Amino acid sequence: MDVLMDPKVLLTFLATAAVAGLIIWLLSWSWRRRLEKALEEQRRQQEGTVSRLFDSLAHDKEELARKYEEIIAEKQARIEALEREVTRLRDRLSQGGLLSLFGRGQREAVSALLLENEQLHEQIARLQEEMRDLVGDLTGKLMDRLEKQYQESARAVRYKQALLSTFLQQEEARQLLERMLAEGRLLPAGETPAAPSPQDEHPADQAQE
């Protein structure tokens, strides 16, 4: 008992406890920093993924719009060519007099050109409608994917934050327990307080003797 109460032993014990506490604190701090860096890296990766998705969406929309614009421009050029042909035939019919007007072949040619012109106008309108629908579907699907990814990322971040919080609470409790043990306010498991010696129990009797 006297050895334990020796100042050098106490100082050594306190220094060892302080060093152990410092090591534990450094380890927990290092672990927390690694976890924070991992979370930060995950956040950057998610932002990069979202950015790439938006870039991909913009590229797909531009590519889709370009293709449909080429198709529409081609149809429009065909319509203009047909309109010029119809105008030319009408001029010829007007210049040819009544006999030309009643020519069956020319009437059928003009009717066919007018019908094809009308059909091309309808095709252009349909293509424009399909283009709007496709762009809308593409945008909707991308937003659904982004929302799902955000939800999964949020769940993962909340789970890691809960793990970090639990770990920090355990570290704080362990450090408090070690500090109480070091200060002698709490005995380790399995040990019981030392029973007072007979001399400590009857100091008055010893004094009388």
N, C-alpha and C. Protein backbone atom coordinates (compact mmCIF):
# COMPACT_ATOMS: atom_id res chain seq x y z
N MET A 1 0.84 -1.20 0.00
CA MET A 1 0.00 0.00 0.00
C MET A 1 0.87 1.25 0.00
N ASP A 2 1.99 1.18 0.81
CA ASP A 2 2.89 2.32 0.85
C ASP A 2 3.54 2.55 -0.51
N VAL A 3 3.80 1.42 -1.21
CA VAL A 3 4.41 1.56 -2.53
C VAL A 3 3.48 2.28 -3.49
N LEU A 4 2.18 1.92 -3.42
CA LEU A 4 1.21 2.56 -4.30
C LEU A 4 1.05 4.04 -3.99
N MET A 5 1.20 4.40 -2.72
CA MET A 5 1.04 5.79 -2.34
C MET A 5 2.31 6.60 -2.53
N ASP A 6 3.36 5.94 -2.99
CA ASP A 6 4.60 6.66 -3.22
C ASP A 6 4.39 7.70 -4.32
N PRO A 7 4.85 8.93 -4.13
CA PRO A 7 4.63 9.99 -5.14
C PRO A 7 5.17 9.63 -6.52
N LYS A 8 6.32 8.97 -6.57
CA LYS A 8 6.87 8.60 -7.88
C LYS A 8 5.96 7.62 -8.61
N VAL A 9 5.43 6.65 -7.83
CA VAL A 9 4.51 5.68 -8.45
C VAL A 9 3.25 6.37 -8.93
N LEU A 10 2.73 7.26 -8.10
CA LEU A 10 1.52 7.99 -8.50
C LEU A 10 1.78 8.84 -9.73
N LEU A 11 2.91 9.52 -9.75
CA LEU A 11 3.23 10.34 -10.92
C LEU A 11 3.38 9.48 -12.17
N THR A 12 4.04 8.34 -12.01
CA THR A 12 4.19 7.43 -13.16
C THR A 12 2.84 6.94 -13.65
N PHE A 13 1.97 6.58 -12.68
CA PHE A 13 0.64 6.10 -13.05
C PHE A 13 -0.17 7.18 -13.75
N LEU A 14 -0.12 8.39 -13.19
CA LEU A 14 -0.86 9.50 -13.80
C LEU A 14 -0.30 9.84 -15.18
N ALA A 15 1.03 9.81 -15.31
CA ALA A 15 1.62 10.10 -16.62
C ALA A 15 1.24 9.04 -17.64
N THR A 16 1.25 7.77 -17.20
CA THR A 16 0.85 6.69 -18.11
C THR A 16 -0.61 6.84 -18.53
N ALA A 17 -1.47 7.16 -17.54
CA ALA A 17 -2.88 7.35 -17.86
C ALA A 17 -3.07 8.53 -18.81
N ALA A 18 -2.31 9.61 -18.59
CA ALA A 18 -2.43 10.78 -19.47
C ALA A 18 -1.97 10.44 -20.88
N VAL A 19 -0.85 9.72 -20.98
CA VAL A 19 -0.36 9.33 -22.32
C VAL A 19 -1.35 8.40 -23.01
N ALA A 20 -1.91 7.44 -22.23
CA ALA A 20 -2.90 6.54 -22.82
C ALA A 20 -4.13 7.31 -23.29
N GLY A 21 -4.57 8.26 -22.45
CA GLY A 21 -5.72 9.08 -22.86
C GLY A 21 -5.42 9.89 -24.10
N LEU A 22 -4.18 10.44 -24.16
CA LEU A 22 -3.80 11.22 -25.35
C LEU A 22 -3.76 10.34 -26.59
N ILE A 23 -3.21 9.13 -26.44
CA ILE A 23 -3.17 8.21 -27.59
C ILE A 23 -4.58 7.85 -28.05
N ILE A 24 -5.46 7.58 -27.09
CA ILE A 24 -6.85 7.25 -27.44
C ILE A 24 -7.51 8.42 -28.14
N TRP A 25 -7.26 9.63 -27.63
CA TRP A 25 -7.86 10.82 -28.25
C TRP A 25 -7.33 11.01 -29.67
N LEU A 26 -6.00 10.81 -29.84
CA LEU A 26 -5.41 10.95 -31.18
C LEU A 26 -5.96 9.91 -32.14
N LEU A 27 -6.14 8.68 -31.65
CA LEU A 27 -6.68 7.63 -32.52
C LEU A 27 -8.12 7.95 -32.92
N SER A 28 -8.92 8.39 -31.94
CA SER A 28 -10.31 8.72 -32.26
C SER A 28 -10.38 9.92 -33.18
N TRP A 29 -9.51 10.91 -32.96
CA TRP A 29 -9.49 12.09 -33.84
C TRP A 29 -9.08 11.69 -35.26
N SER A 30 -8.06 10.82 -35.36
CA SER A 30 -7.62 10.36 -36.68
C SER A 30 -8.73 9.58 -37.38
N TRP A 31 -9.41 8.72 -36.63
CA TRP A 31 -10.51 7.95 -37.23
C TRP A 31 -11.63 8.87 -37.69
N ARG A 32 -11.93 9.88 -36.86
CA ARG A 32 -12.99 10.80 -37.24
C ARG A 32 -12.60 11.60 -38.47
N ARG A 33 -11.33 12.03 -38.56
CA ARG A 33 -10.88 12.76 -39.74
C ARG A 33 -10.97 11.90 -41.00
N ARG A 34 -10.58 10.63 -40.87
CA ARG A 34 -10.68 9.73 -42.03
C ARG A 34 -12.13 9.57 -42.46
N LEU A 35 -13.03 9.45 -41.48
CA LEU A 35 -14.44 9.29 -41.83
C LEU A 35 -14.98 10.56 -42.48
N GLU A 36 -14.59 11.72 -41.95
CA GLU A 36 -15.04 12.98 -42.55
C GLU A 36 -14.50 13.13 -43.97
N LYS A 37 -13.24 12.75 -44.18
CA LYS A 37 -12.68 12.81 -45.53
C LYS A 37 -13.41 11.86 -46.47
N ALA A 38 -13.75 10.66 -45.95
CA ALA A 38 -14.49 9.70 -46.79
C ALA A 38 -15.86 10.25 -47.16
N LEU A 39 -16.53 10.89 -46.18
CA LEU A 39 -17.84 11.48 -46.48
C LEU A 39 -17.70 12.62 -47.48
N GLU A 40 -16.65 13.44 -47.32
CA GLU A 40 -16.44 14.54 -48.25
C GLU A 40 -16.14 14.02 -49.66
N GLU A 41 -15.34 12.96 -49.74
CA GLU A 41 -15.04 12.37 -51.05
C GLU A 41 -16.30 11.79 -51.68
N GLN A 42 -17.13 11.15 -50.86
CA GLN A 42 -18.38 10.61 -51.38
C GLN A 42 -19.28 11.72 -51.89
N ARG A 43 -19.31 12.84 -51.15
CA ARG A 43 -20.14 13.97 -51.59
C ARG A 43 -19.64 14.52 -52.92
N ARG A 44 -18.30 14.64 -53.05
CA ARG A 44 -17.76 15.14 -54.32
C ARG A 44 -18.06 14.18 -55.47
N GLN A 45 -17.96 12.88 -55.20
CA GLN A 45 -18.28 11.91 -56.24
C GLN A 45 -19.74 12.00 -56.65
N GLN A 46 -20.63 12.19 -55.67
CA GLN A 46 -22.05 12.31 -55.99
C GLN A 46 -22.31 13.57 -56.80
N GLU A 47 -21.66 14.68 -56.42
CA GLU A 47 -21.83 15.91 -57.19
C GLU A 47 -21.29 15.73 -58.61
N GLY A 48 -20.15 15.02 -58.74
CA GLY A 48 -19.62 14.76 -60.07
C GLY A 48 -20.56 13.90 -60.90
N THR A 49 -21.17 12.90 -60.24
CA THR A 49 -22.12 12.03 -60.95
C THR A 49 -23.32 12.82 -61.42
N VAL A 50 -23.84 13.68 -60.54
CA VAL A 50 -24.99 14.51 -60.92
C VAL A 50 -24.63 15.44 -62.06
N SER A 51 -23.42 16.03 -61.97
CA SER A 51 -22.98 16.93 -63.04
C SER A 51 -22.86 16.18 -64.37
N ARG A 52 -22.29 14.97 -64.30
CA ARG A 52 -22.18 14.18 -65.55
C ARG A 52 -23.55 13.80 -66.09
N LEU A 53 -24.49 13.50 -65.19
CA LEU A 53 -25.84 13.17 -65.65
C LEU A 53 -26.48 14.35 -66.34
N PHE A 54 -26.32 15.55 -65.75
CA PHE A 54 -26.89 16.73 -66.38
C PHE A 54 -26.21 17.02 -67.72
N ASP A 55 -24.88 16.85 -67.76
CA ASP A 55 -24.18 17.06 -69.03
C ASP A 55 -24.65 16.05 -70.08
N SER A 56 -24.82 14.79 -69.63
CA SER A 56 -25.30 13.76 -70.55
C SER A 56 -26.70 14.08 -71.05
N LEU A 57 -27.55 14.56 -70.11
CA LEU A 57 -28.91 14.93 -70.52
C LEU A 57 -28.88 16.05 -71.54
N ALA A 58 -28.05 17.08 -71.26
CA ALA A 58 -27.98 18.20 -72.20
C ALA A 58 -27.47 17.73 -73.56
N HIS A 59 -26.45 16.86 -73.54
CA HIS A 59 -25.91 16.35 -74.81
C HIS A 59 -26.96 15.53 -75.55
N ASP A 60 -27.67 14.65 -74.81
CA ASP A 60 -28.69 13.82 -75.45
C ASP A 60 -29.81 14.68 -76.03
N LYS A 61 -30.21 15.70 -75.27
CA LYS A 61 -31.27 16.58 -75.76
C LYS A 61 -30.81 17.33 -77.00
N GLU A 62 -29.56 17.82 -76.97
CA GLU A 62 -29.05 18.54 -78.13
C GLU A 62 -28.93 17.61 -79.34
N GLU A 63 -28.43 16.39 -79.09
CA GLU A 63 -28.28 15.44 -80.19
C GLU A 63 -29.64 15.06 -80.77
N LEU A 64 -30.60 14.82 -79.87
CA LEU A 64 -31.94 14.47 -80.32
C LEU A 64 -32.58 15.62 -81.08
N ALA A 65 -32.42 16.83 -80.54
CA ALA A 65 -32.99 18.00 -81.22
C ALA A 65 -32.33 18.21 -82.58
N ARG A 66 -31.01 17.99 -82.64
CA ARG A 66 -30.31 18.17 -83.91
C ARG A 66 -30.82 17.19 -84.97
N LYS A 67 -30.99 15.91 -84.56
CA LYS A 67 -31.47 14.91 -85.51
C LYS A 67 -32.87 15.26 -86.02
N TYR A 68 -33.74 15.64 -85.07
CA TYR A 68 -35.10 15.98 -85.49
C TYR A 68 -35.12 17.25 -86.33
N GLU A 69 -34.24 18.19 -86.01
CA GLU A 69 -34.18 19.40 -86.82
C GLU A 69 -33.71 19.07 -88.24
N GLU A 70 -32.77 18.13 -88.35
CA GLU A 70 -32.33 17.72 -89.69
C GLU A 70 -33.48 17.06 -90.46
N ILE A 71 -34.23 16.20 -89.75
CA ILE A 71 -35.37 15.55 -90.42
C ILE A 71 -36.40 16.58 -90.84
N ILE A 72 -36.70 17.52 -89.91
CA ILE A 72 -37.70 18.55 -90.22
C ILE A 72 -37.21 19.44 -91.36
N ALA A 73 -35.91 19.79 -91.33
CA ALA A 73 -35.37 20.62 -92.42
C ALA A 73 -35.46 19.90 -93.76
N GLU A 74 -35.18 18.59 -93.73
CA GLU A 74 -35.28 17.81 -94.97
C GLU A 74 -36.72 17.78 -95.48
N LYS A 75 -37.67 17.56 -94.55
CA LYS A 75 -39.07 17.56 -94.95
C LYS A 75 -39.50 18.94 -95.45
N GLN A 76 -39.00 19.98 -94.76
CA GLN A 76 -39.36 21.33 -95.18
C GLN A 76 -38.82 21.64 -96.57
N ALA A 77 -37.59 21.18 -96.83
CA ALA A 77 -37.03 21.39 -98.17
C ALA A 77 -37.86 20.65 -99.22
N ARG A 78 -38.32 19.44 -98.86
CA ARG A 78 -39.16 18.68 -99.78
C ARG A 78 -40.48 19.40 -100.03
N ILE A 79 -41.04 19.98 -98.97
CA ILE A 79 -42.30 20.71 -99.13
C ILE A 79 -42.10 21.92 -100.04
N GLU A 80 -40.99 22.64 -99.81
CA GLU A 80 -40.75 23.82 -100.64
C GLU A 80 -40.56 23.42 -102.10
N ALA A 81 -39.87 22.30 -102.32
CA ALA A 81 -39.69 21.84 -103.70
C ALA A 81 -41.03 21.46 -104.33
N LEU A 82 -41.88 20.79 -103.53
CA LEU A 82 -43.20 20.44 -104.05
C LEU A 82 -44.06 21.67 -104.31
N GLU A 83 -43.95 22.64 -103.41
CA GLU A 83 -44.74 23.86 -103.63
C GLU A 83 -44.28 24.59 -104.90
N ARG A 84 -42.96 24.59 -105.13
CA ARG A 84 -42.48 25.21 -106.37
C ARG A 84 -42.98 24.44 -107.59
N GLU A 85 -42.99 23.11 -107.48
CA GLU A 85 -43.47 22.30 -108.60
C GLU A 85 -44.96 22.53 -108.83
N VAL A 86 -45.73 22.62 -107.74
CA VAL A 86 -47.16 22.89 -107.87
C VAL A 86 -47.39 24.25 -108.52
N THR A 87 -46.61 25.24 -108.09
CA THR A 87 -46.76 26.59 -108.67
C THR A 87 -46.43 26.57 -110.16
N ARG A 88 -45.36 25.84 -110.51
CA ARG A 88 -44.97 25.76 -111.92
C ARG A 88 -46.07 25.09 -112.75
N LEU A 89 -46.63 24.00 -112.22
CA LEU A 89 -47.69 23.32 -112.96
C LEU A 89 -48.94 24.18 -113.06
N ARG A 90 -49.24 24.90 -112.00
CA ARG A 90 -50.42 25.78 -112.06
C ARG A 90 -50.22 26.87 -113.10
N ASP A 91 -48.99 27.40 -113.17
CA ASP A 91 -48.71 28.42 -114.17
C ASP A 91 -48.86 27.84 -115.58
N ARG A 92 -48.36 26.64 -115.75
CA ARG A 92 -48.50 26.00 -117.06
C ARG A 92 -49.96 25.76 -117.40
N LEU A 93 -50.74 25.34 -116.38
CA LEU A 93 -52.17 25.11 -116.64
C LEU A 93 -52.87 26.41 -116.99
N SER A 94 -52.47 27.47 -116.29
CA SER A 94 -53.11 28.76 -116.57
C SER A 94 -52.74 29.26 -117.97
N GLN A 95 -51.50 29.04 -118.37
CA GLN A 95 -51.06 29.50 -119.68
C GLN A 95 -51.56 28.59 -120.80
N GLY A 96 -51.88 27.35 -120.50
CA GLY A 96 -52.28 26.40 -121.54
C GLY A 96 -53.74 26.51 -121.94
N GLY A 97 -54.54 27.31 -121.24
CA GLY A 97 -55.93 27.47 -121.60
C GLY A 97 -56.82 26.36 -121.08
N LEU A 98 -58.08 26.34 -121.56
CA LEU A 98 -59.08 25.40 -121.05
C LEU A 98 -58.75 23.96 -121.39
N LEU A 99 -58.16 23.72 -122.58
CA LEU A 99 -57.85 22.34 -122.95
C LEU A 99 -56.83 21.72 -121.99
N SER A 100 -55.85 22.56 -121.61
CA SER A 100 -54.86 22.04 -120.66
C SER A 100 -55.47 21.80 -119.29
N LEU A 101 -56.41 22.67 -118.93
CA LEU A 101 -57.04 22.51 -117.61
C LEU A 101 -57.76 21.18 -117.51
N PHE A 102 -58.31 20.73 -118.61
CA PHE A 102 -59.05 19.47 -118.58
C PHE A 102 -58.16 18.26 -118.89
N GLY A 103 -56.83 18.49 -119.02
CA GLY A 103 -55.95 17.36 -119.25
C GLY A 103 -55.87 16.48 -118.00
N ARG A 104 -56.18 15.21 -118.20
CA ARG A 104 -56.27 14.31 -117.04
C ARG A 104 -54.92 14.10 -116.37
N GLY A 105 -53.89 13.93 -117.19
CA GLY A 105 -52.57 13.67 -116.62
C GLY A 105 -52.07 14.81 -115.75
N GLN A 106 -52.25 16.04 -116.22
CA GLN A 106 -51.79 17.18 -115.44
C GLN A 106 -52.62 17.36 -114.18
N ARG A 107 -53.91 17.14 -114.29
CA ARG A 107 -54.75 17.27 -113.07
C ARG A 107 -54.33 16.24 -112.03
N GLU A 108 -54.06 15.02 -112.48
CA GLU A 108 -53.64 13.98 -111.53
C GLU A 108 -52.27 14.31 -110.91
N ALA A 109 -51.39 14.87 -111.74
CA ALA A 109 -50.06 15.24 -111.21
C ALA A 109 -50.18 16.33 -110.16
N VAL A 110 -51.00 17.33 -110.45
CA VAL A 110 -51.18 18.42 -109.48
C VAL A 110 -51.83 17.89 -108.21
N SER A 111 -52.83 17.04 -108.35
CA SER A 111 -53.50 16.48 -107.17
C SER A 111 -52.53 15.65 -106.32
N ALA A 112 -51.68 14.86 -107.01
CA ALA A 112 -50.72 14.04 -106.27
C ALA A 112 -49.71 14.91 -105.52
N LEU A 113 -49.27 15.98 -106.20
CA LEU A 113 -48.32 16.87 -105.52
C LEU A 113 -48.96 17.57 -104.33
N LEU A 114 -50.18 18.02 -104.49
CA LEU A 114 -50.87 18.67 -103.38
C LEU A 114 -51.06 17.70 -102.21
N LEU A 115 -51.43 16.45 -102.54
CA LEU A 115 -51.63 15.45 -101.49
C LEU A 115 -50.31 15.16 -100.76
N GLU A 116 -49.23 15.01 -101.53
CA GLU A 116 -47.94 14.74 -100.90
C GLU A 116 -47.50 15.93 -100.05
N ASN A 117 -47.77 17.12 -100.54
CA ASN A 117 -47.42 18.32 -99.76
C ASN A 117 -48.16 18.33 -98.43
N GLU A 118 -49.44 18.01 -98.47
CA GLU A 118 -50.23 17.98 -97.24
C GLU A 118 -49.74 16.89 -96.29
N GLN A 119 -49.41 15.73 -96.84
CA GLN A 119 -48.90 14.64 -96.01
C GLN A 119 -47.58 15.00 -95.34
N LEU A 120 -46.72 15.70 -96.08
CA LEU A 120 -45.45 16.11 -95.49
C LEU A 120 -45.66 17.11 -94.36
N HIS A 121 -46.61 18.02 -94.53
CA HIS A 121 -46.93 18.95 -93.43
C HIS A 121 -47.39 18.17 -92.20
N GLU A 122 -48.21 17.17 -92.41
CA GLU A 122 -48.68 16.35 -91.28
C GLU A 122 -47.52 15.60 -90.63
N GLN A 123 -46.59 15.08 -91.44
CA GLN A 123 -45.44 14.37 -90.89
C GLN A 123 -44.57 15.30 -90.05
N ILE A 124 -44.38 16.52 -90.53
CA ILE A 124 -43.59 17.48 -89.76
C ILE A 124 -44.25 17.78 -88.42
N ALA A 125 -45.55 17.98 -88.43
CA ALA A 125 -46.27 18.24 -87.17
C ALA A 125 -46.14 17.06 -86.22
N ARG A 126 -46.25 15.84 -86.77
CA ARG A 126 -46.13 14.65 -85.93
C ARG A 126 -44.71 14.50 -85.37
N LEU A 127 -43.70 14.76 -86.19
CA LEU A 127 -42.32 14.68 -85.72
C LEU A 127 -42.04 15.70 -84.63
N GLN A 128 -42.58 16.89 -84.78
CA GLN A 128 -42.38 17.90 -83.74
C GLN A 128 -43.03 17.47 -82.43
N GLU A 129 -44.21 16.88 -82.52
CA GLU A 129 -44.88 16.39 -81.31
C GLU A 129 -44.09 15.25 -80.67
N GLU A 130 -43.59 14.32 -81.49
CA GLU A 130 -42.77 13.23 -80.96
C GLU A 130 -41.50 13.76 -80.30
N MET A 131 -40.92 14.78 -80.89
CA MET A 131 -39.71 15.37 -80.32
C MET A 131 -39.99 15.95 -78.94
N ARG A 132 -41.08 16.67 -78.80
CA ARG A 132 -41.44 17.22 -77.49
C ARG A 132 -41.69 16.11 -76.48
N ASP A 133 -42.38 15.04 -76.91
CA ASP A 133 -42.66 13.93 -75.99
C ASP A 133 -41.37 13.23 -75.55
N LEU A 134 -40.46 13.00 -76.51
CA LEU A 134 -39.21 12.31 -76.18
C LEU A 134 -38.36 13.13 -75.22
N VAL A 135 -38.27 14.42 -75.48
CA VAL A 135 -37.49 15.28 -74.58
C VAL A 135 -38.11 15.31 -73.19
N GLY A 136 -39.45 15.36 -73.13
CA GLY A 136 -40.12 15.34 -71.83
C GLY A 136 -39.90 14.03 -71.09
N ASP A 137 -39.99 12.90 -71.82
CA ASP A 137 -39.74 11.60 -71.18
C ASP A 137 -38.30 11.49 -70.69
N LEU A 138 -37.37 11.95 -71.50
CA LEU A 138 -35.95 11.88 -71.11
C LEU A 138 -35.69 12.71 -69.86
N THR A 139 -36.26 13.89 -69.81
CA THR A 139 -36.09 14.74 -68.63
C THR A 139 -36.73 14.11 -67.41
N GLY A 140 -37.93 13.56 -67.56
CA GLY A 140 -38.61 12.93 -66.43
C GLY A 140 -37.85 11.74 -65.88
N LYS A 141 -37.33 10.90 -66.78
CA LYS A 141 -36.57 9.73 -66.33
C LYS A 141 -35.30 10.14 -65.61
N LEU A 142 -34.63 11.17 -66.13
CA LEU A 142 -33.41 11.62 -65.46
C LEU A 142 -33.71 12.17 -64.08
N MET A 143 -34.77 12.95 -63.95
CA MET A 143 -35.12 13.50 -62.64
C MET A 143 -35.48 12.39 -61.67
N ASP A 144 -36.15 11.35 -62.15
CA ASP A 144 -36.46 10.20 -61.27
C ASP A 144 -35.18 9.53 -60.80
N ARG A 145 -34.23 9.35 -61.71
CA ARG A 145 -32.95 8.74 -61.33
C ARG A 145 -32.21 9.60 -60.33
N LEU A 146 -32.21 10.92 -60.56
CA LEU A 146 -31.53 11.82 -59.64
C LEU A 146 -32.17 11.79 -58.26
N GLU A 147 -33.50 11.79 -58.21
CA GLU A 147 -34.19 11.75 -56.92
C GLU A 147 -33.88 10.45 -56.18
N LYS A 148 -33.88 9.33 -56.90
CA LYS A 148 -33.57 8.05 -56.26
C LYS A 148 -32.14 8.03 -55.74
N GLN A 149 -31.21 8.57 -56.54
CA GLN A 149 -29.82 8.58 -56.10
C GLN A 149 -29.63 9.49 -54.90
N TYR A 150 -30.31 10.64 -54.89
CA TYR A 150 -30.22 11.53 -53.74
C TYR A 150 -30.75 10.86 -52.48
N GLN A 151 -31.86 10.13 -52.61
CA GLN A 151 -32.42 9.44 -51.45
C GLN A 151 -31.46 8.38 -50.92
N GLU A 152 -30.87 7.60 -51.83
CA GLU A 152 -29.91 6.58 -51.39
C GLU A 152 -28.68 7.21 -50.75
N SER A 153 -28.20 8.31 -51.33
CA SER A 153 -27.04 8.98 -50.76
C SER A 153 -27.36 9.56 -49.38
N ALA A 154 -28.57 10.13 -49.25
CA ALA A 154 -28.95 10.69 -47.95
C ALA A 154 -29.03 9.60 -46.89
N ARG A 155 -29.57 8.42 -47.27
CA ARG A 155 -29.63 7.32 -46.30
C ARG A 155 -28.22 6.87 -45.91
N ALA A 156 -27.32 6.79 -46.88
CA ALA A 156 -25.95 6.36 -46.56
C ALA A 156 -25.25 7.37 -45.66
N VAL A 157 -25.46 8.66 -45.93
CA VAL A 157 -24.83 9.69 -45.09
C VAL A 157 -25.40 9.66 -43.68
N ARG A 158 -26.72 9.50 -43.56
CA ARG A 158 -27.32 9.44 -42.22
C ARG A 158 -26.80 8.22 -41.45
N TYR A 159 -26.64 7.10 -42.14
CA TYR A 159 -26.13 5.90 -41.47
C TYR A 159 -24.70 6.12 -40.99
N LYS A 160 -23.86 6.71 -41.82
CA LYS A 160 -22.48 6.95 -41.41
C LYS A 160 -22.41 7.98 -40.29
N GLN A 161 -23.28 8.99 -40.33
CA GLN A 161 -23.30 9.96 -39.24
C GLN A 161 -23.73 9.31 -37.94
N ALA A 162 -24.69 8.38 -38.02
CA ALA A 162 -25.12 7.66 -36.81
C ALA A 162 -23.98 6.81 -36.26
N LEU A 163 -23.23 6.14 -37.14
CA LEU A 163 -22.07 5.37 -36.70
C LEU A 163 -21.03 6.26 -36.04
N LEU A 164 -20.79 7.42 -36.65
CA LEU A 164 -19.81 8.34 -36.08
C LEU A 164 -20.26 8.84 -34.72
N SER A 165 -21.54 9.18 -34.60
CA SER A 165 -22.06 9.66 -33.31
C SER A 165 -21.95 8.58 -32.24
N THR A 166 -22.31 7.33 -32.60
CA THR A 166 -22.20 6.23 -31.64
C THR A 166 -20.76 6.01 -31.21
N PHE A 167 -19.86 6.06 -32.18
CA PHE A 167 -18.44 5.87 -31.86
C PHE A 167 -17.94 6.96 -30.93
N LEU A 168 -18.30 8.21 -31.21
CA LEU A 168 -17.85 9.31 -30.36
C LEU A 168 -18.42 9.20 -28.96
N GLN A 169 -19.69 8.79 -28.85
CA GLN A 169 -20.28 8.61 -27.53
C GLN A 169 -19.55 7.51 -26.76
N GLN A 170 -19.24 6.41 -27.44
CA GLN A 170 -18.51 5.33 -26.78
C GLN A 170 -17.12 5.79 -26.36
N GLU A 171 -16.45 6.58 -27.22
CA GLU A 171 -15.14 7.08 -26.86
C GLU A 171 -15.21 8.01 -25.66
N GLU A 172 -16.22 8.88 -25.62
CA GLU A 172 -16.37 9.78 -24.48
C GLU A 172 -16.62 9.00 -23.20
N ALA A 173 -17.48 7.96 -23.27
CA ALA A 173 -17.77 7.15 -22.09
C ALA A 173 -16.52 6.40 -21.64
N ARG A 174 -15.75 5.88 -22.61
CA ARG A 174 -14.54 5.15 -22.25
C ARG A 174 -13.50 6.08 -21.62
N GLN A 175 -13.35 7.27 -22.18
CA GLN A 175 -12.39 8.21 -21.61
C GLN A 175 -12.81 8.64 -20.21
N LEU A 176 -14.12 8.83 -20.00
CA LEU A 176 -14.60 9.19 -18.67
C LEU A 176 -14.33 8.07 -17.68
N LEU A 177 -14.56 6.82 -18.10
CA LEU A 177 -14.31 5.68 -17.22
C LEU A 177 -12.83 5.57 -16.88
N GLU A 178 -11.97 5.73 -17.88
CA GLU A 178 -10.54 5.66 -17.62
C GLU A 178 -10.08 6.79 -16.71
N ARG A 179 -10.66 7.97 -16.89
CA ARG A 179 -10.28 9.09 -16.02
C ARG A 179 -10.70 8.82 -14.58
N MET A 180 -11.91 8.25 -14.40
CA MET A 180 -12.36 7.93 -13.05
C MET A 180 -11.50 6.85 -12.42
N LEU A 181 -11.09 5.85 -13.23
CA LEU A 181 -10.19 4.82 -12.71
C LEU A 181 -8.84 5.41 -12.34
N ALA A 182 -8.35 6.32 -13.20
CA ALA A 182 -7.05 6.93 -12.92
C ALA A 182 -7.09 7.77 -11.65
N GLU A 183 -8.22 8.44 -11.42
CA GLU A 183 -8.34 9.28 -10.23
C GLU A 183 -8.73 8.49 -9.00
N GLY A 184 -9.00 7.20 -9.16
CA GLY A 184 -9.35 6.36 -8.02
C GLY A 184 -10.78 6.49 -7.56
N ARG A 185 -11.63 7.16 -8.35
CA ARG A 185 -13.03 7.29 -7.96
C ARG A 185 -13.85 6.05 -8.31
N LEU A 186 -13.24 5.15 -9.07
CA LEU A 186 -13.94 3.93 -9.47
C LEU A 186 -12.92 2.82 -9.55
N LEU A 187 -13.28 1.65 -8.97
CA LEU A 187 -12.39 0.50 -8.98
C LEU A 187 -12.64 -0.36 -10.21
N PRO A 188 -11.60 -0.98 -10.75
CA PRO A 188 -11.82 -1.89 -11.90
C PRO A 188 -12.73 -3.03 -11.52
N ALA A 189 -13.31 -3.67 -12.55
CA ALA A 189 -14.22 -4.78 -12.31
C ALA A 189 -13.48 -5.93 -11.64
N GLY A 190 -14.10 -6.54 -10.64
CA GLY A 190 -13.51 -7.68 -9.94
C GLY A 190 -12.78 -7.30 -8.67
N GLU A 191 -12.53 -6.01 -8.48
CA GLU A 191 -11.84 -5.57 -7.28
C GLU A 191 -12.84 -5.00 -6.29
N THR A 192 -12.55 -5.17 -5.02
CA THR A 192 -13.40 -4.64 -3.95
C THR A 192 -12.58 -3.71 -3.09
N PRO A 193 -13.23 -2.76 -2.46
CA PRO A 193 -12.48 -1.84 -1.59
C PRO A 193 -11.77 -2.62 -0.51
N ALA A 194 -10.56 -2.23 -0.20
CA ALA A 194 -9.78 -2.90 0.84
C ALA A 194 -10.41 -2.68 2.20
N ALA A 195 -10.52 -3.76 2.99
CA ALA A 195 -11.12 -3.64 4.34
C ALA A 195 -10.17 -2.88 5.24
N PRO A 196 -10.70 -2.01 6.07
CA PRO A 196 -9.83 -1.25 6.98
C PRO A 196 -9.14 -2.18 7.96
N SER A 197 -7.90 -1.90 8.29
CA SER A 197 -7.13 -2.72 9.23
C SER A 197 -7.64 -2.50 10.64
N PRO A 198 -7.40 -3.45 11.54
CA PRO A 198 -7.83 -3.28 12.94
C PRO A 198 -7.28 -2.01 13.54
N GLN A 199 -6.07 -1.63 13.14
CA GLN A 199 -5.51 -0.41 13.69
C GLN A 199 -6.32 0.80 13.27
N ASP A 200 -6.86 0.76 11.99
CA ASP A 200 -7.67 1.88 11.54
C ASP A 200 -9.02 1.88 12.20
N GLU A 201 -9.53 0.67 12.60
CA GLU A 201 -10.86 0.60 13.19
C GLU A 201 -10.86 1.11 14.63
N HIS A 202 -9.81 0.90 15.41
CA HIS A 202 -9.79 1.29 16.84
C HIS A 202 -8.61 2.18 17.12
N PRO A 203 -8.58 3.33 16.51
CA PRO A 203 -7.47 4.23 16.80
C PRO A 203 -7.50 4.73 18.22
N ALA A 204 -8.72 4.86 18.79
CA ALA A 204 -8.82 5.40 20.15
C ALA A 204 -8.26 4.44 21.16
N ASP A 205 -8.53 3.10 20.97
CA ASP A 205 -8.02 2.11 21.92
C ASP A 205 -6.52 2.09 21.91
N GLN A 206 -5.92 2.19 20.72
CA GLN A 206 -4.48 2.19 20.65
C GLN A 206 -3.89 3.41 21.34
N ALA A 207 -4.62 4.51 21.25
CA ALA A 207 -4.13 5.72 21.90
C ALA A 207 -4.12 5.57 23.40
N GLN A 208 -5.20 4.92 23.97
CA GLN A 208 -5.27 4.73 25.41
C GLN A 208 -4.17 3.82 25.88
N GLU A 209 -3.87 2.75 25.09
CA GLU A 209 -2.81 1.86 25.50
C GLU A 209 -1.47 2.58 25.50
